[in-house]
PDB file of N, CA and C in Angstrom:
ATOM      1  N   MET A   1    -109.683 -12.284   0.135  1.00  0.00           N
ATOM      2  CA  MET A   1    -110.898 -12.543   0.099  1.00  0.00           C
ATOM      3  C   MET A   1    -111.220 -13.762   0.869  1.00  0.00           C
ATOM      4  N   ALA A   2    -111.895 -14.526   0.049  1.00  0.00           N
ATOM      5  CA  ALA A   2    -112.155 -15.720   0.666  1.00  0.00           C
ATOM      6  C   ALA A   2    -111.109 -17.238   0.270  1.00  0.00           C
ATOM      7  N   THR A   3    -110.689 -17.873   1.335  1.00  0.00           N
ATOM      8  CA  THR A   3    -109.747 -18.881   1.147  1.00  0.00           C
ATOM      9  C   THR A   3    -110.139 -19.655   0.530  1.00  0.00           C
ATOM     10  N   THR A   4    -109.521 -21.206   0.082  1.00  0.00           N
ATOM     11  CA  THR A   4    -110.038 -22.230  -0.777  1.00  0.00           C
ATOM     12  C   THR A   4    -110.997 -22.976   0.101  1.00  0.00           C
ATOM     13  N   HIS A   5    -110.873 -22.861   1.629  1.00  0.00           N
ATOM     14  CA  HIS A   5    -111.534 -23.600   2.532  1.00  0.00           C
ATOM     15  C   HIS A   5    -113.295 -22.701   2.903  1.00  0.00           C
ATOM     16  N   GLU A   6    -113.174 -21.656   2.602  1.00  0.00           N
ATOM     17  CA  GLU A   6    -114.593 -20.990   2.553  1.00  0.00           C
ATOM     18  C   GLU A   6    -114.882 -20.710   1.393  1.00  0.00           C
ATOM     19  N   ARG A   7    -116.714 -20.550   1.825  1.00  0.00           N
ATOM     20  CA  ARG A   7    -117.763 -20.955   0.677  1.00  0.00           C
ATOM     21  C   ARG A   7    -118.244 -19.894   0.954  1.00  0.00           C
ATOM     22  N   ARG A   8    -118.376 -18.808  -0.359  1.00  0.00           N
ATOM     23  CA  ARG A   8    -119.074 -17.576  -0.350  1.00  0.00           C
ATOM     24  C   ARG A   8    -120.856 -18.051  -0.290  1.00  0.00           C
ATOM     25  N   VAL A   9    -121.647 -17.370   0.148  1.00  0.00           N
ATOM     26  CA  VAL A   9    -122.806 -17.756  -0.007  1.00  0.00           C
ATOM     27  C   VAL A   9    -123.208 -16.065  -0.321  1.00  0.00           C
ATOM     28  N   ARG A  10    -124.562 -16.279  -1.029  1.00  0.00           N
ATOM     29  CA  ARG A  10    -125.061 -14.983  -1.322  1.00  0.00           C
ATOM     30  C   ARG A  10    -126.216 -14.510  -0.819  1.00  0.00           C
ATOM     31  N   LEU A  11    -126.339 -12.759  -0.569  1.00  0.00           N
ATOM     32  CA  LEU A  11    -126.962 -12.460   0.276  1.00  0.00           C
ATOM     33  C   LEU A  11    -127.353 -11.220  -0.801  1.00  0.00           C
ATOM     34  N   SER A  12    -128.674 -11.456  -0.843  1.00  0.00           N
ATOM     35  CA  SER A  12    -129.640 -10.051  -1.758  1.00  0.00           C
ATOM     36  C   SER A  12    -130.440  -9.470  -0.643  1.00  0.00           C
ATOM     37  N   ILE A  13    -130.631  -8.169  -1.360  1.00  0.00           N
ATOM     38  CA  ILE A  13    -131.600  -7.243  -0.437  1.00  0.00           C
ATOM     39  C   ILE A  13    -132.337  -6.730  -1.317  1.00  0.00           C
ATOM     40  N   ASP A  14    -133.392  -6.090  -1.419  1.00  0.00           N
ATOM     41  CA  ASP A  14    -134.637  -5.421  -2.393  1.00  0.00           C
ATOM     42  C   ASP A  14    -134.374  -3.873  -2.123  1.00  0.00           C
ATOM     43  N   VAL A  15    -133.859  -3.163  -3.054  1.00  0.00           N
ATOM     44  CA  VAL A  15    -133.833  -1.849  -2.910  1.00  0.00           C
ATOM     45  C   VAL A  15    -134.665  -1.187  -4.016  1.00  0.00           C
ATOM     46  N   LEU A  16    -135.194   0.109  -3.510  1.00  0.00           N
ATOM     47  CA  LEU A  16    -135.978   0.905  -5.000  1.00  0.00           C
ATOM     48  C   LEU A  16    -134.925   1.132  -6.109  1.00  0.00           C
ATOM     49  N   ARG A  17    -135.656   1.574  -7.097  1.00  0.00           N
ATOM     50  CA  ARG A  17    -134.971   1.636  -8.435  1.00  0.00           C
ATOM     51  C   ARG A  17    -134.130   3.156  -8.198  1.00  0.00           C
ATOM     52  N   GLU A  18    -134.736   3.933  -7.587  1.00  0.00           N
ATOM     53  CA  GLU A  18    -133.327   5.126  -7.158  1.00  0.00           C
ATOM     54  C   GLU A  18    -132.527   4.949  -6.272  1.00  0.00           C
ATOM     55  N   GLU A  19    -132.416   3.973  -5.329  1.00  0.00           N
ATOM     56  CA  GLU A  19    -131.682   3.802  -4.509  1.00  0.00           C
ATOM     57  C   GLU A  19    -130.419   2.889  -5.084  1.00  0.00           C
ATOM     58  N   ARG A  20    -130.948   2.244  -5.938  1.00  0.00           N
ATOM     59  CA  ARG A  20    -130.090   1.338  -6.800  1.00  0.00           C
ATOM     60  C   ARG A  20    -129.173   2.202  -7.880  1.00  0.00           C
ATOM     61  N   ARG A  21    -129.964   3.557  -8.405  1.00  0.00           N
ATOM     62  CA  ARG A  21    -129.281   4.517  -8.884  1.00  0.00           C
ATOM     63  C   ARG A  21    -128.148   5.047  -8.227  1.00  0.00           C
ATOM     64  N   ARG A  22    -128.489   5.666  -7.046  1.00  0.00           N
ATOM     65  CA  ARG A  22    -127.884   6.302  -6.494  1.00  0.00           C
ATOM     66  C   ARG A  22    -126.475   5.323  -6.037  1.00  0.00           C
ATOM     67  N   LEU A  23    -126.641   4.249  -5.422  1.00  0.00           N
ATOM     68  CA  LEU A  23    -125.372   3.273  -5.629  1.00  0.00           C
ATOM     69  C   LEU A  23    -124.855   3.033  -6.561  1.00  0.00           C
ATOM     70  N   HIS A  24    -125.217   3.042  -7.578  1.00  0.00           N
ATOM     71  CA  HIS A  24    -124.568   2.851  -8.968  1.00  0.00           C
ATOM     72  C   HIS A  24    -123.505   4.035  -9.276  1.00  0.00           C
ATOM     73  N   ILE A  25    -124.559   5.295  -8.952  1.00  0.00           N
ATOM     74  CA  ILE A  25    -123.403   6.425  -9.321  1.00  0.00           C
ATOM     75  C   ILE A  25    -122.512   6.642  -8.318  1.00  0.00           C
ATOM     76  N   ALA A  26    -122.799   6.229  -6.602  1.00  0.00           N
ATOM     77  CA  ALA A  26    -121.635   6.192  -5.960  1.00  0.00           C
ATOM     78  C   ALA A  26    -120.621   5.434  -6.138  1.00  0.00           C
ATOM     79  N   ALA A  27    -120.902   4.473  -6.581  1.00  0.00           N
ATOM     80  CA  ALA A  27    -119.666   3.281  -6.292  1.00  0.00           C
ATOM     81  C   ALA A  27    -118.916   3.987  -8.192  1.00  0.00           C
ATOM     82  N   ALA A  28    -119.574   3.987  -8.922  1.00  0.00           N
ATOM     83  CA  ALA A  28    -118.795   4.661 -10.242  1.00  0.00           C
ATOM     84  C   ALA A  28    -117.848   5.685  -9.542  1.00  0.00           C
ATOM     85  N   LYS A  29    -118.461   6.738  -8.917  1.00  0.00           N
ATOM     86  CA  LYS A  29    -117.117   7.683  -8.645  1.00  0.00           C
ATOM     87  C   LYS A  29    -115.912   7.247  -7.683  1.00  0.00           C
ATOM     88  N   ARG A  30    -116.546   6.023  -7.132  1.00  0.00           N
ATOM     89  CA  ARG A  30    -115.084   5.165  -6.442  1.00  0.00           C
ATOM     90  C   ARG A  30    -114.447   4.293  -7.352  1.00  0.00           C
ATOM     91  N   ASP A  31    -114.550   3.998  -8.875  1.00  0.00           N
ATOM     92  CA  ASP A  31    -114.321   3.222  -9.597  1.00  0.00           C
ATOM     93  C   ASP A  31    -114.205   2.035  -9.020  1.00  0.00           C
ATOM     94  N   GLN A  32    -115.789   1.596  -8.591  1.00  0.00           N
ATOM     95  CA  GLN A  32    -115.979   0.021  -7.907  1.00  0.00           C
ATOM     96  C   GLN A  32    -117.321  -0.426  -8.654  1.00  0.00           C
ATOM     97  N   SER A  33    -117.325  -1.774  -8.727  1.00  0.00           N
ATOM     98  CA  SER A  33    -118.467  -1.853  -8.945  1.00  0.00           C
ATOM     99  C   SER A  33    -119.313  -2.066  -7.513  1.00  0.00           C
ATOM    100  N   ILE A  34    -121.028  -1.809  -7.519  1.00  0.00           N
ATOM    101  CA  ILE A  34    -121.668  -2.146  -6.788  1.00  0.00           C
ATOM    102  C   ILE A  34    -121.579  -2.807  -5.392  1.00  0.00           C
ATOM    103  N   ARG A  35    -121.005  -4.125  -5.650  1.00  0.00           N
ATOM    104  CA  ARG A  35    -121.247  -5.295  -4.791  1.00  0.00           C
ATOM    105  C   ARG A  35    -119.593  -4.641  -3.728  1.00  0.00           C
ATOM    106  N   ASP A  36    -118.751  -4.372  -4.526  1.00  0.00           N
ATOM    107  CA  ASP A  36    -117.769  -3.854  -3.516  1.00  0.00           C
ATOM    108  C   ASP A  36    -117.756  -2.512  -2.888  1.00  0.00           C
ATOM    109  N   TYR A  37    -118.698  -1.889  -3.465  1.00  0.00           N
ATOM    110  CA  TYR A  37    -118.824  -0.526  -2.673  1.00  0.00           C
ATOM    111  C   TYR A  37    -119.562  -0.842  -1.303  1.00  0.00           C
ATOM    112  N   VAL A  38    -120.893  -1.517  -1.715  1.00  0.00           N
ATOM    113  CA  VAL A  38    -121.493  -2.113  -0.832  1.00  0.00           C
ATOM    114  C   VAL A  38    -121.026  -2.935   0.418  1.00  0.00           C
ATOM    115  N   TRP A  39    -119.890  -3.891  -0.340  1.00  0.00           N
ATOM    116  CA  TRP A  39    -119.563  -4.990   0.597  1.00  0.00           C
ATOM    117  C   TRP A  39    -118.662  -3.807   1.865  1.00  0.00           C
ATOM    118  N   GLN A  40    -117.808  -2.898   1.212  1.00  0.00           N
ATOM    119  CA  GLN A  40    -116.553  -2.056   1.876  1.00  0.00           C
ATOM    120  C   GLN A  40    -117.746  -1.228   3.265  1.00  0.00           C
ATOM    121  N   ALA A  41    -119.141  -0.741   2.823  1.00  0.00           N
ATOM    122  CA  ALA A  41    -119.694   0.053   3.594  1.00  0.00           C
ATOM    123  C   ALA A  41    -120.474  -1.161   4.693  1.00  0.00           C
ATOM    124  N   VAL A  42    -120.509  -2.623   4.449  1.00  0.00           N
ATOM    125  CA  VAL A  42    -120.739  -3.230   5.145  1.00  0.00           C
ATOM    126  C   VAL A  42    -119.614  -3.397   6.492  1.00  0.00           C
ATOM    127  N   GLU A  43    -118.564  -3.886   6.151  1.00  0.00           N
ATOM    128  CA  GLU A  43    -117.373  -4.424   6.970  1.00  0.00           C
ATOM    129  C   GLU A  43    -116.909  -3.045   7.499  1.00  0.00           C
ATOM    130  N   ALA A  44    -117.191  -1.829   7.041  1.00  0.00           N
ATOM    131  CA  ALA A  44    -117.001  -0.732   8.021  1.00  0.00           C
ATOM    132  C   ALA A  44    -118.085  -0.940   8.856  1.00  0.00           C
ATOM    133  N   ARG A  45    -119.149  -0.879   8.744  1.00  0.00           N
ATOM    134  CA  ARG A  45    -120.666  -0.940  10.055  1.00  0.00           C
ATOM    135  C   ARG A  45    -119.961  -1.928  10.720  1.00  0.00           C
ATOM    136  N   LEU A  46    -119.718  -3.436  10.069  1.00  0.00           N
ATOM    137  CA  LEU A  46    -119.298  -4.365  11.210  1.00  0.00           C
ATOM    138  C   LEU A  46    -118.454  -4.044  11.811  1.00  0.00           C
ATOM    139  N   LYS A  47    -117.429  -3.456  11.512  1.00  0.00           N
ATOM    140  CA  LYS A  47    -116.026  -3.477  12.473  1.00  0.00           C
ATOM    141  C   LYS A  47    -116.400  -2.340  13.293  1.00  0.00           C
ATOM    142  N   HIS A  48    -117.107  -1.288  13.187  1.00  0.00           N
ATOM    143  CA  HIS A  48    -117.478  -0.191  14.408  1.00  0.00           C
ATOM    144  C   HIS A  48    -118.551  -0.899  15.090  1.00  0.00           C
ATOM    145  N   ASP A  49    -119.546  -1.453  15.038  1.00  0.00           N
ATOM    146  CA  ASP A  49    -120.809  -1.978  15.422  1.00  0.00           C
ATOM    147  C   ASP A  49    -119.889  -3.277  16.506  1.00  0.00           C
ATOM    148  N   LEU A  50    -119.294  -4.060  15.922  1.00  0.00           N
ATOM    149  CA  LEU A  50    -118.836  -5.045  17.040  1.00  0.00           C
ATOM    150  C   LEU A  50    -117.102  -4.970  17.481  1.00  0.00           C
ATOM    151  N   ALA A  51    -117.146  -3.232  17.518  1.00  0.00           N
ATOM    152  CA  ALA A  51    -115.674  -3.578  18.309  1.00  0.00           C
ATOM    153  C   ALA A  51    -115.640  -3.747  19.433  1.00  0.00           C
ATOM    154  N   ASP A  52    -116.621  -3.895  20.520  1.00  0.00           N
ATOM    155  CA  ASP A  52    -116.742  -4.146  21.904  1.00  0.00           C
ATOM    156  C   ASP A  52    -116.304  -5.609  21.947  1.00  0.00           C
ATOM    157  N   GLU A  53    -117.047  -6.527  20.858  1.00  0.00           N
ATOM    158  CA  GLU A  53    -116.980  -7.808  20.739  1.00  0.00           C
ATOM    159  C   GLU A  53    -115.648  -8.444  20.301  1.00  0.00           C
ATOM    160  N   ALA A  54    -114.974  -7.673  19.890  1.00  0.00           N
ATOM    161  CA  ALA A  54    -113.223  -7.779  19.362  1.00  0.00           C
ATOM    162  C   ALA A  54    -112.624  -7.689  20.539  1.00  0.00           C
ATOM    163  N   ALA A  55    -112.793  -6.788  21.346  1.00  0.00           N
ATOM    164  CA  ALA A  55    -111.871  -6.292  22.418  1.00  0.00           C
ATOM    165  C   ALA A  55    -112.067  -7.004  23.169  1.00  0.00           C
ATOM    166  N   THR A  56    -113.449  -7.759  23.626  1.00  0.00           N
ATOM    167  CA  THR A  56    -113.659  -8.854  24.889  1.00  0.00           C
ATOM    168  C   THR A  56    -113.133  -9.684  24.370  1.00  0.00           C
ATOM    169  N   ALA A  57    -113.040 -10.615  22.992  1.00  0.00           N
ATOM    170  CA  ALA A  57    -112.260 -11.632  22.671  1.00  0.00           C
ATOM    171  C   ALA A  57    -111.107 -11.472  22.547  1.00  0.00           C
ATOM    172  N   GLY A  58    -110.178 -10.228  22.445  1.00  0.00           N
ATOM    173  CA  GLY A  58    -108.748 -10.099  22.705  1.00  0.00           C
ATOM    174  C   GLY A  58    -108.409 -10.484  24.484  1.00  0.00           C
ATOM    175  N   LEU A  59    -109.490 -10.032  24.813  1.00  0.00           N
ATOM    176  CA  LEU A  59    -109.155 -10.330  26.571  1.00  0.00           C
ATOM    177  C   LEU A  59    -109.321 -11.732  26.694  1.00  0.00           C
ATOM    178  N   LEU A  60    -109.843 -12.663  26.079  1.00  0.00           N
ATOM    179  CA  LEU A  60    -110.348 -14.004  26.227  1.00  0.00           C
ATOM    180  C   LEU A  60    -109.119 -14.707  26.091  1.00  0.00           C
ATOM    181  N   ALA A  61    -108.226 -14.148  25.189  1.00  0.00           N
ATOM    182  CA  ALA A  61    -107.137 -15.037  24.174  1.00  0.00           C
ATOM    183  C   ALA A  61    -105.710 -14.409  24.760  1.00  0.00           C
ATOM    184  N   LEU A  62    -106.112 -14.255  26.216  1.00  0.00           N
ATOM    185  CA  LEU A  62    -104.596 -13.935  26.928  1.00  0.00           C
ATOM    186  C   LEU A  62    -103.628 -15.301  26.710  1.00  0.00           C
ATOM    187  N   ASN A  63    -102.987 -15.462  26.131  1.00  0.00           N
ATOM    188  CA  ASN A  63    -101.819 -16.537  26.146  1.00  0.00           C
ATOM    189  C   ASN A  63    -100.514 -15.895  26.087  1.00  0.00           C
ATOM    190  N   GLU A  64     -99.405 -16.845  25.765  1.00  0.00           N
ATOM    191  CA  GLU A  64     -98.184 -16.452  25.668  1.00  0.00           C
ATOM    192  C   GLU A  64     -97.878 -16.267  24.142  1.00  0.00           C
ATOM    193  N   ARG A  65     -98.564 -16.374  22.848  1.00  0.00           N
ATOM    194  CA  ARG A  65     -98.802 -15.930  21.687  1.00  0.00           C
ATOM    195  C   ARG A  65     -99.042 -14.620  21.747  1.00  0.00           C
ATOM    196  N   ALA A  66    -100.394 -14.300  22.523  1.00  0.00           N
ATOM    197  CA  ALA A  66    -100.601 -13.177  22.133  1.00  0.00           C
ATOM    198  C   ALA A  66    -100.404 -12.008  22.978  1.00  0.00           C
ATOM    199  N   ASP A  67     -99.275 -12.503  24.071  1.00  0.00           N
ATOM    200  CA  ASP A  67     -98.510 -11.207  24.991  1.00  0.00           C
ATOM    201  C   ASP A  67     -97.384 -11.866  25.535  1.00  0.00           C
ATOM    202  N   PRO A  68     -95.982 -11.409  24.586  1.00  0.00           N
ATOM    203  CA  PRO A  68     -94.976 -11.940  25.036  1.00  0.00           C
ATOM    204  C   PRO A  68     -94.188 -11.918  26.546  1.00  0.00           C
ATOM    205  N   VAL A  69     -94.725 -10.376  26.946  1.00  0.00           N
ATOM    206  CA  VAL A  69     -94.640 -10.095  28.365  1.00  0.00           C
ATOM    207  C   VAL A  69     -95.409 -11.082  29.429  1.00  0.00           C
ATOM    208  N   LEU A  70     -96.453 -11.508  28.981  1.00  0.00           N
ATOM    209  CA  LEU A  70     -96.927 -12.526  29.845  1.00  0.00           C
ATOM    210  C   LEU A  70     -96.232 -13.733  30.058  1.00  0.00           C
ATOM    211  N   ALA A  71     -95.773 -14.301  28.666  1.00  0.00           N
ATOM    212  CA  ALA A  71     -94.839 -15.002  28.738  1.00  0.00           C
ATOM    213  C   ALA A  71     -93.735 -15.214  29.305  1.00  0.00           C
ATOM    214  N   ALA A  72     -93.043 -14.361  29.531  1.00  0.00           N
ATOM    215  CA  ALA A  72     -91.675 -14.474  30.370  1.00  0.00           C
ATOM    216  C   ALA A  72     -92.265 -14.176  31.468  1.00  0.00           C
ATOM    217  N   LEU A  73     -93.743 -13.583  31.885  1.00  0.00           N
ATOM    218  CA  LEU A  73     -93.902 -13.678  33.770  1.00  0.00           C
ATOM    219  C   LEU A  73     -94.343 -14.955  33.776  1.00  0.00           C
ATOM    220  N   TRP A  74     -94.776 -15.572  32.488  1.00  0.00           N
ATOM    221  CA  TRP A  74     -95.431 -17.084  33.086  1.00  0.00           C
ATOM    222  C   TRP A  74     -93.732 -18.424  33.330  1.00  0.00           C
ATOM    223  N   ASP A  75     -92.959 -18.148  32.715  1.00  0.00           N
ATOM    224  CA  ASP A  75     -91.959 -18.902  32.246  1.00  0.00           C
ATOM    225  C   ASP A  75     -91.305 -18.910  33.806  1.00  0.00           C
ATOM    226  N   ASN A  76     -91.952 -19.656  34.965  1.00  0.00           N
ATOM    227  CA  ASN A  76     -90.819 -20.105  35.961  1.00  0.00           C
ATOM    228  C   ASN A  76     -91.548 -21.551  36.643  1.00  0.00           C
ATOM    229  N   PRO A  77     -90.621 -21.935  37.415  1.00  0.00           N
ATOM    230  CA  PRO A  77     -90.913 -23.108  38.199  1.00  0.00           C
ATOM    231  C   PRO A  77     -92.467 -23.069  38.728  1.00  0.00           C
ATOM    232  N   LYS A  78     -92.989 -22.342  39.397  1.00  0.00           N
ATOM    233  CA  LYS A  78     -93.831 -22.315  40.414  1.00  0.00           C
ATOM    234  C   LYS A  78     -95.385 -22.415  39.519  1.00  0.00           C
ATOM    235  N   ASP A  79     -94.929 -21.424  38.365  1.00  0.00           N
ATOM    236  CA  ASP A  79     -96.420 -21.871  37.230  1.00  0.00           C
ATOM    237  C   ASP A  79     -96.277 -22.948  36.367  1.00  0.00           C
ATOM    238  N   ALA A  80     -94.738 -23.397  36.166  1.00  0.00           N
ATOM    239  CA  ALA A  80     -95.115 -24.510  34.953  1.00  0.00           C
ATOM    240  C   ALA A  80     -95.914 -26.034  35.526  1.00  0.00           C
ATOM    241  N   ALA A  81     -96.046 -25.861  36.928  1.00  0.00           N
ATOM    242  CA  ALA A  81     -97.444 -27.131  37.547  1.00  0.00           C
ATOM    243  C   ALA A  81     -98.460 -26.922  36.351  1.00  0.00           C
ATOM    244  N   TYR A  82     -98.734 -25.592  36.041  1.00  0.00           N
ATOM    245  CA  TYR A  82    -100.010 -25.341  35.200  1.00  0.00           C
ATOM    246  C   TYR A  82    -100.067 -25.914  34.088  1.00  0.00           C
ATOM    247  N   ASP A  83     -98.963 -25.973  33.604  1.00  0.00           N
ATOM    248  CA  ASP A  83     -98.607 -26.723  32.356  1.00  0.00           C
ATOM    249  C   ASP A  83     -98.943 -28.089  32.039  1.00  0.00           C
ATOM    250  N   LYS A  84     -99.161 -28.818  33.361  1.00  0.00           N
ATOM    251  CA  LYS A  84     -99.558 -30.287  33.433  1.00  0.00           C
ATOM    252  C   LYS A  84    -101.078 -30.584  33.280  1.00  0.00           C
ATOM    253  N   ILE A  85    -101.605 -29.539  33.436  1.00  0.00           N
ATOM    254  CA  ILE A  85    -103.124 -29.809  34.023  1.00  0.00           C
ATOM    255  C   ILE A  85    -103.493 -29.762  32.422  1.00  0.00           C
TER     256      ILE A  85
END
């Protein structure tokens, strides 16, 4: 969950009584709270919807820690000049 440096903020949504009842039943079937049930659904949707952004972010983070093969290729006297920049 949240680390000691992260602060949670409250998010609320309004739902119809019948929707809340359905959420309650679905969460109970999984032995979860409504909060945990909804959060897992939100996380899954975010993962799906933001998959392209995550892939793009990974491409922007090409460095020797992210890719040891690149580290081996970049470890040469010619490329060492870029370390000083």
